[in-house]
């Protein structure tokens, strides 16, 4: 099964949610860890783990 790719109309959150859901439904046996599936989807979006951590840190400061 090919990896999901972002659609032109999707923002990051929409894509990652769709991607994780698809991998969970169709490839959970191949990617049993939810963290693995999330990492794959963020990677497909083009975000590195370092960028994700920085975005989460910035988001938590706003609350």
C-alpha atoms as a PDB file:
ATOM      1  CA  UNK A   1       0.000   0.000   0.000  1.00  0.00           C
ATOM      2  CA  UNK A   2       1.509   3.378  -0.948  1.00  0.00           C
ATOM      3  CA  UNK A   3       2.031   5.962   1.767  1.00  0.00           C
ATOM      4  CA  UNK A   4      -0.544   8.751   1.912  1.00  0.00           C
ATOM      5  CA  UNK A   5       0.580  12.038   0.412  1.00  0.00           C
ATOM      6  CA  UNK A   6      -0.649  15.501   1.420  1.00  0.00           C
ATOM      7  CA  UNK A   7      -3.374  16.980  -0.730  1.00  0.00           C
ATOM      8  CA  UNK A   8      -2.978  20.572  -1.903  1.00  0.00           C
ATOM      9  CA  UNK A   9      -6.022  21.614   0.111  1.00  0.00           C
ATOM     10  CA  UNK A  10      -4.934  20.005   3.412  1.00  0.00           C
ATOM     11  CA  UNK A  11      -3.146  21.702   6.254  1.00  0.00           C
ATOM     12  CA  UNK A  12      -0.686  19.755   8.392  1.00  0.00           C
ATOM     13  CA  UNK A  13      -3.197  18.661  11.042  1.00  0.00           C
ATOM     14  CA  UNK A  14      -5.723  17.434   8.462  1.00  0.00           C
ATOM     15  CA  UNK A  15      -3.081  15.437   6.622  1.00  0.00           C
ATOM     16  CA  UNK A  16      -1.489  13.897   9.707  1.00  0.00           C
ATOM     17  CA  UNK A  17      -4.891  12.875  11.086  1.00  0.00           C
ATOM     18  CA  UNK A  18      -5.904  11.287   7.780  1.00  0.00           C
ATOM     19  CA  UNK A  19      -2.537   9.610   7.370  1.00  0.00           C
ATOM     20  CA  UNK A  20      -2.498   8.105  10.878  1.00  0.00           C
ATOM     21  CA  UNK A  21      -6.070   6.871  10.480  1.00  0.00           C
ATOM     22  CA  UNK A  22      -5.215   5.219   7.163  1.00  0.00           C
ATOM     23  CA  UNK A  23      -2.070   3.551   8.512  1.00  0.00           C
ATOM     24  CA  UNK A  24      -4.004   2.360  11.574  1.00  0.00           C
ATOM     25  CA  UNK A  25      -6.762   0.852   9.425  1.00  0.00           C
ATOM     26  CA  UNK A  26      -4.638  -0.648   6.700  1.00  0.00           C
ATOM     27  CA  UNK A  27      -1.112  -1.180   8.019  1.00  0.00           C
ATOM     28  CA  UNK A  28      -1.317  -1.556  11.805  1.00  0.00           C
ATOM     29  CA  UNK A  29       0.335  -4.978  11.582  1.00  0.00           C
ATOM     30  CA  UNK A  30       3.293  -3.407   9.739  1.00  0.00           C
ATOM     31  CA  UNK A  31       3.468  -0.334  12.017  1.00  0.00           C
ATOM     32  CA  UNK A  32       2.151  -1.529  15.435  1.00  0.00           C
ATOM     33  CA  UNK A  33       3.271   1.525  17.406  1.00  0.00           C
ATOM     34  CA  UNK A  34       1.116   4.651  17.192  1.00  0.00           C
ATOM     35  CA  UNK A  35       4.322   6.677  17.596  1.00  0.00           C
ATOM     36  CA  UNK A  36       5.762   4.973  14.516  1.00  0.00           C
ATOM     37  CA  UNK A  37       2.664   5.800  12.491  1.00  0.00           C
ATOM     38  CA  UNK A  38       2.757   9.418  13.649  1.00  0.00           C
ATOM     39  CA  UNK A  39       6.459   9.715  12.808  1.00  0.00           C
ATOM     40  CA  UNK A  40       5.845   8.319   9.331  1.00  0.00           C
ATOM     41  CA  UNK A  41       3.033  10.794   8.702  1.00  0.00           C
ATOM     42  CA  UNK A  42       4.989  13.809   9.970  1.00  0.00           C
ATOM     43  CA  UNK A  43       7.866  12.679   7.784  1.00  0.00           C
ATOM     44  CA  UNK A  44       5.560  12.453   4.761  1.00  0.00           C
ATOM     45  CA  UNK A  45       4.422  16.010   5.529  1.00  0.00           C
ATOM     46  CA  UNK A  46       8.093  16.998   5.521  1.00  0.00           C
ATOM     47  CA  UNK A  47       8.491  17.824   9.195  1.00  0.00           C
ATOM     48  CA  UNK A  48      11.501  16.559  11.094  1.00  0.00           C
ATOM     49  CA  UNK A  49      11.284  15.467  14.748  1.00  0.00           C
ATOM     50  CA  UNK A  50      13.229  18.625  15.705  1.00  0.00           C
ATOM     51  CA  UNK A  51      10.687  20.849  13.913  1.00  0.00           C
ATOM     52  CA  UNK A  52       7.815  18.985  15.571  1.00  0.00           C
ATOM     53  CA  UNK A  53       9.306  19.476  19.042  1.00  0.00           C
ATOM     54  CA  UNK A  54       9.835  23.181  18.398  1.00  0.00           C
ATOM     55  CA  UNK A  55       6.236  23.583  17.187  1.00  0.00           C
ATOM     56  CA  UNK A  56       4.884  21.746  20.237  1.00  0.00           C
ATOM     57  CA  UNK A  57       6.991  23.907  22.572  1.00  0.00           C
ATOM     58  CA  UNK A  58       5.765  27.068  20.880  1.00  0.00           C
ATOM     59  CA  UNK A  59       2.145  25.848  21.046  1.00  0.00           C
ATOM     60  CA  UNK A  60       2.370  25.043  24.756  1.00  0.00           C
ATOM     61  CA  UNK A  61       3.622  28.563  25.540  1.00  0.00           C
ATOM     62  CA  UNK A  62       0.438  30.058  24.047  1.00  0.00           C
ATOM     63  CA  UNK A  63      -1.802  28.245  26.559  1.00  0.00           C
END
